[in-house]
Amino acid sequence: MLGEGVLYEASLAAGTHRLYLYHVNGLTEPMRFLAVASNAGDGNVRFRIQREALEGPSANYLAVGRAASERFLAPPVQTLAGVFGPGDVGPLDNELLAIAAARDQLVNGIYRIETDGPMRVTVMALRQSTPTFPLPMNLPPSADDGDNREGTFAGTTRSGTYAWSTESGMARLRIGDGGEFETDPPLSGVDEEDGAARLLRGNYGVEYAIDVDVSAPDGQRFAVLLNPRGGNYGGAVETTFGPGPAVMQLVPEESLVVPPTTEAGVVGIYDPFTVAGDADRLTIRLTPAGASSLAIDLLLVPFGGPREKPLPPAGWMLY
């Protein structure tokens, strides 16, 4: 962010959308980052914020991204709704409107928005001293930082169903490989301001929902591990196995990150024989944490040992 002005504008058709804000103040004075919604049609438009996560401002970028990833996965406290008449303009998030970031501080927001008509979202940077009422809709475009990170992308939810048996050995699911291995390529899209093609490297803001049908004919238990491949990673992962509750695991506060490549965090440990039958479904949910490095590997690791020995307690461990 190089100055006061419009950072990005996007057109929303009727449907469900994801808005991902990740802005650092590069100026010496405090700045606010606003997300403004406006009715782009001729009739009333109803919109809902189904889920939201807002963290910052802070100069600890890993901590901000980590907390936002957890908050976005958590069950929504409420669904915010509003009706915009033709020409109506208003802030998308009043909490965001009130935040001022000092120099080098980060603000990270993630929103899932549903609308039944065409709308336009404008993200702008304002000096703390600039009035926001009425909302300044005539700002010039802010200077481009040259990193080509802005864009509008399709497919902000990725899901898949797999079958895995403990007797087949360890399995790997790679998230956010940047297209290098073509296992989880970046989203493709366009910069609506200049029409240039864009890639969302790291797939930040994408919500992953992965189902694995697990069978254990050899009687083994299994662990779900997270292994960073591109650098330090700090974020939340939610796992559910069979009829059990959803369990959210978060990189521990004292370290903030799982070190890259050589170590893995244990997300969950499960015993297929504690549920009915010899097969059941594992569900993994996550969204890549801002400021963390991608790709990451989710590892399914079978292990044996006497069943009378209890499973380790839930929580992150490094292996």
Protein backbone atom coordinates (compact mmCIF):
# COMPACT_ATOMS: atom_id res chain seq x y z
CA MET A 1 0.00 0.00 0.00
CA LEU A 2 1.67 3.19 -1.23
CA GLY A 3 -0.89 5.91 -0.54
CA GLU A 4 -4.46 7.00 0.12
CA GLY A 5 -6.97 5.85 -2.49
CA VAL A 6 -8.86 2.89 -3.91
CA LEU A 7 -6.89 -0.34 -3.52
CA TYR A 8 -9.24 -2.58 -5.49
CA GLU A 9 -12.79 -2.76 -6.84
CA ALA A 10 -14.73 -5.90 -7.74
CA SER A 11 -18.17 -6.60 -9.18
CA LEU A 12 -20.28 -9.27 -7.48
CA ALA A 13 -23.10 -11.10 -9.24
CA ALA A 14 -25.86 -12.76 -7.23
CA GLY A 15 -24.36 -15.67 -5.31
CA THR A 16 -21.76 -16.45 -2.64
CA HIS A 17 -18.36 -14.76 -2.64
CA ARG A 18 -15.18 -14.59 -0.57
CA LEU A 19 -13.51 -11.27 0.24
CA TYR A 20 -9.90 -11.51 1.44
CA LEU A 21 -8.18 -8.37 2.74
CA TYR A 22 -4.50 -8.36 3.60
CA HIS A 23 -2.97 -4.90 3.89
CA VAL A 24 0.12 -3.45 5.57
CA ASN A 25 0.46 0.27 6.18
CA GLY A 26 3.59 1.51 4.42
CA LEU A 27 3.10 5.16 5.38
CA THR A 28 4.38 7.00 8.43
CA GLU A 29 0.90 8.03 9.60
CA PRO A 30 -1.93 5.71 10.75
CA MET A 31 -4.15 4.36 7.96
CA ARG A 32 -7.58 2.73 7.82
CA PHE A 33 -8.58 0.05 5.30
CA LEU A 34 -12.27 0.15 4.39
CA ALA A 35 -14.41 -2.36 2.54
CA VAL A 36 -17.40 -0.53 1.08
CA ALA A 37 -20.42 -2.21 -0.54
CA SER A 38 -22.67 -0.51 -3.06
CA ASN A 39 -25.79 -1.54 -4.98
CA ALA A 40 -24.88 -1.91 -8.65
CA GLY A 41 -28.41 -2.68 -9.86
CA ASP A 42 -31.82 -1.06 -10.26
CA GLY A 43 -33.65 -2.89 -7.47
CA ASN A 44 -33.16 -3.74 -3.81
CA VAL A 45 -30.31 -6.15 -3.05
CA ARG A 46 -30.17 -8.24 0.11
CA PHE A 47 -26.77 -9.35 1.31
CA ARG A 48 -25.56 -11.48 4.20
CA ILE A 49 -22.15 -11.92 5.80
CA GLN A 50 -22.24 -15.65 6.48
CA ARG A 51 -18.81 -15.86 8.10
CA GLU A 52 -16.11 -13.34 9.00
CA ALA A 53 -12.64 -13.13 10.50
CA LEU A 54 -10.89 -9.83 11.23
CA GLU A 55 -7.49 -9.63 12.94
CA GLY A 56 -4.97 -6.86 13.54
CA PRO A 57 -3.57 -4.33 13.41
CA SER A 58 -0.24 -5.82 14.45
CA ALA A 59 3.36 -5.99 13.26
CA ASN A 60 3.39 -9.71 14.12
CA TYR A 61 2.19 -10.92 10.72
CA LEU A 62 2.38 -14.63 11.56
CA ALA A 63 0.19 -14.14 14.62
CA VAL A 64 -2.40 -12.14 12.63
CA GLY A 65 -2.65 -14.73 9.84
CA ARG A 66 -2.75 -17.59 12.32
CA ALA A 67 -5.60 -16.05 14.33
CA ALA A 68 -7.60 -15.14 11.20
CA SER A 69 -7.38 -18.73 9.92
CA GLU A 70 -8.78 -20.00 13.22
CA ARG A 71 -11.53 -17.42 13.46
CA PHE A 72 -12.73 -18.05 9.90
CA LEU A 73 -13.06 -21.81 10.52
CA ALA A 74 -14.89 -21.37 13.83
CA PRO A 75 -18.71 -21.59 13.81
CA PRO A 76 -20.21 -18.19 12.96
CA VAL A 77 -21.66 -16.36 15.93
CA GLN A 78 -24.32 -14.71 13.80
CA THR A 79 -25.25 -13.96 10.22
CA LEU A 80 -25.30 -10.26 9.46
CA ALA A 81 -27.88 -9.12 6.91
CA GLY A 82 -28.78 -5.87 5.20
CA VAL A 83 -30.79 -4.47 2.30
CA PHE A 84 -29.28 -1.99 -0.18
CA GLY A 85 -31.60 0.10 -2.30
CA PRO A 86 -30.55 1.39 -5.74
CA GLY A 87 -27.50 3.62 -5.30
CA ASP A 88 -27.06 2.78 -1.59
CA VAL A 89 -23.50 2.68 -0.23
CA GLY A 90 -22.30 1.45 3.14
CA PRO A 91 -19.37 -0.10 5.02
CA LEU A 92 -19.17 -3.87 4.83
CA ASP A 93 -17.77 -4.12 8.36
CA ASN A 94 -18.09 -1.37 10.96
CA GLU A 95 -15.35 -2.99 13.05
CA LEU A 96 -12.93 -2.65 10.13
CA LEU A 97 -14.03 0.98 9.72
CA ALA A 98 -12.81 1.75 13.24
CA ILE A 99 -9.33 0.18 12.95
CA ALA A 100 -6.26 2.34 12.29
CA ALA A 101 -2.97 0.63 11.48
CA ALA A 102 0.33 2.24 12.38
CA ARG A 103 3.32 2.01 10.04
CA ASP A 104 4.21 -1.61 9.14
CA GLN A 105 1.13 -2.99 10.89
CA LEU A 106 -1.04 -5.61 9.16
CA VAL A 107 -4.83 -5.90 8.96
CA ASN A 108 -6.23 -9.24 7.72
CA GLY A 109 -9.95 -9.79 7.05
CA ILE A 110 -11.79 -12.75 5.52
CA TYR A 111 -15.51 -12.55 4.69
CA ARG A 112 -17.98 -14.95 3.09
CA ILE A 113 -20.71 -12.84 1.48
CA GLU A 114 -24.03 -13.88 -0.03
CA THR A 115 -26.02 -11.48 -2.20
CA ASP A 116 -29.22 -11.90 -4.24
CA GLY A 117 -28.36 -9.18 -6.76
CA PRO A 118 -25.43 -7.31 -8.32
CA MET A 119 -23.19 -5.39 -5.94
CA ARG A 120 -19.81 -3.75 -6.05
CA VAL A 121 -17.16 -3.92 -3.34
CA THR A 122 -14.54 -1.18 -3.07
CA VAL A 123 -11.49 -1.55 -0.82
CA MET A 124 -9.83 1.74 0.01
CA ALA A 125 -7.05 3.13 2.17
CA LEU A 126 -7.70 6.32 4.13
CA ARG A 127 -5.56 8.38 6.44
CA GLN A 128 -6.87 8.33 9.98
CA SER A 129 -7.56 12.06 9.69
CA THR A 130 -9.77 11.66 6.58
CA PRO A 131 -13.53 11.77 7.38
CA THR A 132 -15.51 8.65 6.52
CA PHE A 133 -19.02 10.13 6.65
CA PRO A 134 -20.18 10.45 4.01
CA LEU A 135 -18.05 7.66 2.58
CA PRO A 136 -15.54 9.08 0.08
CA MET A 137 -16.43 7.26 -3.16
CA ASN A 138 -14.49 9.58 -5.49
CA LEU A 139 -10.97 8.57 -4.45
CA PRO A 140 -8.36 7.96 -7.17
CA PRO A 141 -6.77 4.52 -7.57
CA SER A 142 -3.93 3.99 -5.12
CA ALA A 143 -0.48 3.54 -6.63
CA ASP A 144 0.20 -0.11 -7.55
CA ASP A 145 2.82 -1.81 -5.38
CA GLY A 146 3.98 -3.83 -8.40
CA ASP A 147 3.49 -7.25 -6.82
CA ASN A 148 0.36 -8.19 -8.83
CA ARG A 149 -1.45 -9.63 -5.82
CA GLU A 150 -4.87 -8.10 -6.42
CA GLY A 151 -7.51 -9.94 -8.37
CA THR A 152 -10.92 -11.55 -8.70
CA PHE A 153 -10.86 -15.35 -8.67
CA ALA A 154 -13.38 -18.15 -9.14
CA GLY A 155 -13.58 -21.29 -7.01
CA THR A 156 -12.84 -20.10 -3.48
CA THR A 157 -13.91 -23.43 -1.96
CA ARG A 158 -12.02 -26.61 -2.78
CA SER A 159 -13.23 -30.04 -1.77
CA GLY A 160 -12.45 -33.64 -2.55
CA THR A 161 -13.22 -37.16 -1.36
CA TYR A 162 -10.57 -39.86 -1.14
CA ALA A 163 -10.37 -43.47 0.04
CA TRP A 164 -7.42 -44.59 2.15
CA SER A 165 -6.52 -47.79 3.98
CA THR A 166 -4.01 -47.93 6.83
CA GLU A 167 -2.49 -51.06 5.31
CA SER A 168 -1.43 -49.05 2.23
CA GLY A 169 1.02 -46.98 4.29
CA MET A 170 1.46 -43.23 4.62
CA ALA A 171 -0.51 -40.93 2.29
CA ARG A 172 0.02 -37.28 1.42
CA LEU A 173 -2.32 -34.46 0.46
CA ARG A 174 -0.53 -31.33 -0.76
CA ILE A 175 -2.12 -27.88 -0.29
CA GLY A 176 -1.09 -24.78 -2.24
CA ASP A 177 1.76 -26.16 -4.33
CA GLY A 178 1.76 -23.13 -6.64
CA GLY A 179 1.18 -25.32 -9.66
CA GLU A 180 4.68 -26.80 -9.59
CA PHE A 181 3.41 -30.35 -9.06
CA GLU A 182 -0.11 -29.77 -10.42
CA THR A 183 -1.67 -31.32 -7.32
CA ASP A 184 -3.31 -28.14 -6.02
CA PRO A 185 -2.77 -25.36 -8.57
CA PRO A 186 -3.34 -21.69 -7.75
CA LEU A 187 -6.68 -20.10 -8.58
CA SER A 188 -6.69 -18.17 -11.83
CA GLY A 189 -8.49 -14.88 -12.27
CA VAL A 190 -8.23 -11.31 -13.50
CA ASP A 191 -7.37 -7.88 -12.16
CA GLU A 192 -10.61 -5.99 -12.78
CA GLU A 193 -8.75 -2.67 -12.80
CA ASP A 194 -6.55 -3.39 -15.84
CA GLY A 195 -7.86 -6.71 -17.21
CA ALA A 196 -4.56 -8.54 -16.65
CA ALA A 197 -4.56 -12.25 -15.80
CA ARG A 198 -3.69 -13.10 -12.21
CA LEU A 199 -2.79 -16.22 -10.22
CA LEU A 200 -3.59 -16.56 -6.51
CA ARG A 201 -0.36 -18.22 -5.43
CA GLY A 202 -0.78 -19.93 -2.07
CA ASN A 203 -4.58 -19.92 -2.44
CA TYR A 204 -4.90 -17.66 0.59
CA GLY A 205 -8.55 -17.26 1.54
CA VAL A 206 -9.59 -20.54 -0.11
CA GLU A 207 -11.62 -22.81 2.16
CA TYR A 208 -10.56 -26.45 1.92
CA ALA A 209 -12.92 -29.29 2.88
CA ILE A 210 -11.28 -32.70 2.41
CA ASP A 211 -13.07 -35.99 3.10
CA VAL A 212 -11.15 -39.24 3.50
CA ASP A 213 -12.95 -42.58 3.82
CA VAL A 214 -10.65 -44.51 6.15
CA SER A 215 -10.48 -48.28 6.50
CA ALA A 216 -8.18 -50.20 8.84
CA PRO A 217 -8.27 -53.94 8.01
CA ASP A 218 -4.86 -54.35 9.68
CA GLY A 219 -6.14 -52.90 12.96
CA GLN A 220 -3.82 -49.90 12.95
CA ARG A 221 -4.56 -46.44 14.25
CA PHE A 222 -3.50 -43.32 12.39
CA ALA A 223 -2.33 -39.75 12.87
CA VAL A 224 -2.95 -36.63 10.79
CA LEU A 225 0.19 -34.51 10.52
CA LEU A 226 0.92 -31.12 8.95
CA ASN A 227 4.35 -30.73 7.33
CA PRO A 228 5.33 -27.32 5.84
CA ARG A 229 7.25 -27.52 2.56
CA GLY A 230 7.89 -23.90 1.62
CA GLY A 231 8.77 -22.25 4.92
CA ASN A 232 7.39 -21.72 8.42
CA TYR A 233 3.65 -22.27 8.81
CA GLY A 234 1.24 -21.15 11.54
CA GLY A 235 -2.48 -21.79 11.19
CA ALA A 236 -5.54 -23.70 12.30
CA VAL A 237 -6.76 -27.10 11.10
CA GLU A 238 -10.11 -28.67 12.00
CA THR A 239 -10.56 -32.46 11.90
CA THR A 240 -13.65 -34.61 12.45
CA PHE A 241 -13.60 -38.41 12.48
CA GLY A 242 -16.76 -40.50 12.36
CA PRO A 243 -19.44 -39.35 14.79
CA GLY A 244 -16.92 -37.56 16.97
CA PRO A 245 -16.83 -33.80 17.53
CA ALA A 246 -14.95 -31.37 15.33
CA VAL A 247 -11.55 -30.64 16.86
CA MET A 248 -9.68 -27.41 16.09
CA GLN A 249 -5.91 -27.55 16.42
CA LEU A 250 -3.82 -24.40 16.40
CA VAL A 251 -0.05 -24.00 16.25
CA PRO A 252 0.99 -23.40 19.87
CA GLU A 253 1.22 -19.82 21.09
CA GLU A 254 4.78 -20.12 22.29
CA SER A 255 6.24 -20.94 18.85
CA LEU A 256 3.59 -19.67 16.43
CA VAL A 257 4.93 -21.87 13.64
CA VAL A 258 5.71 -25.43 12.63
CA PRO A 259 9.31 -25.28 11.31
CA PRO A 260 9.65 -26.07 7.62
CA THR A 261 10.44 -29.36 5.89
CA THR A 262 12.01 -31.36 8.70
CA GLU A 263 9.23 -31.34 11.30
CA ALA A 264 5.48 -31.91 11.40
CA GLY A 265 2.70 -30.92 13.75
CA VAL A 266 0.24 -33.59 14.87
CA VAL A 267 -3.25 -32.38 14.05
CA GLY A 268 -5.13 -35.43 15.35
CA ILE A 269 -4.74 -39.08 16.36
CA TYR A 270 -7.57 -41.53 15.75
CA ASP A 271 -8.49 -45.17 16.24
CA PRO A 272 -10.90 -46.52 13.58
CA PHE A 273 -12.00 -49.27 15.94
CA THR A 274 -13.51 -46.82 18.39
CA VAL A 275 -16.30 -46.13 15.88
CA ALA A 276 -18.91 -48.48 14.45
CA GLY A 277 -17.66 -50.75 11.64
CA ASP A 278 -14.21 -50.95 10.11
CA ALA A 279 -14.40 -47.79 8.00
CA ASP A 280 -15.35 -44.20 8.66
CA ARG A 281 -14.92 -40.71 7.31
CA LEU A 282 -12.25 -38.20 8.25
CA THR A 283 -13.00 -34.56 7.38
CA ILE A 284 -10.23 -31.95 7.29
CA ARG A 285 -10.99 -28.22 7.03
CA LEU A 286 -8.52 -25.37 6.74
CA THR A 287 -7.80 -22.08 5.03
CA PRO A 288 -4.15 -21.16 4.29
CA ALA A 289 -2.93 -18.77 6.96
CA GLY A 290 -1.76 -15.35 5.81
CA ALA A 291 1.97 -14.60 6.30
CA SER A 292 2.72 -18.35 6.37
CA SER A 293 4.49 -20.14 3.56
CA LEU A 294 2.92 -22.68 1.23
CA ALA A 295 2.93 -25.49 0.19
CA ILE A 296 1.99 -27.70 3.12
CA ASP A 297 1.53 -31.47 3.23
CA LEU A 298 -1.23 -33.16 5.21
CA LEU A 299 0.08 -36.62 6.07
CA LEU A 300 -1.99 -39.67 7.01
CA VAL A 301 0.34 -41.90 9.02
CA PRO A 302 -0.71 -45.38 10.25
CA PHE A 303 0.85 -46.80 13.39
CA GLY A 304 0.48 -49.94 15.50
CA GLY A 305 1.12 -50.70 19.15
CA PRO A 306 -0.99 -52.24 21.89
CA ARG A 307 -4.55 -50.97 21.90
CA GLU A 308 -4.69 -50.96 25.69
CA LYS A 309 -2.22 -48.08 25.61
CA PRO A 310 -4.30 -44.87 25.46
CA LEU A 311 -3.97 -42.44 22.60
CA PRO A 312 -1.89 -39.31 23.32
CA PRO A 313 -3.89 -36.23 24.36
CA ALA A 314 -5.17 -33.92 21.67
CA GLY A 315 -2.96 -31.01 20.75
CA TRP A 316 -0.02 -30.05 18.58
CA MET A 317 3.19 -32.04 18.96
CA LEU A 318 6.30 -31.81 16.84
CA TYR A 319 7.80 -34.94 15.32
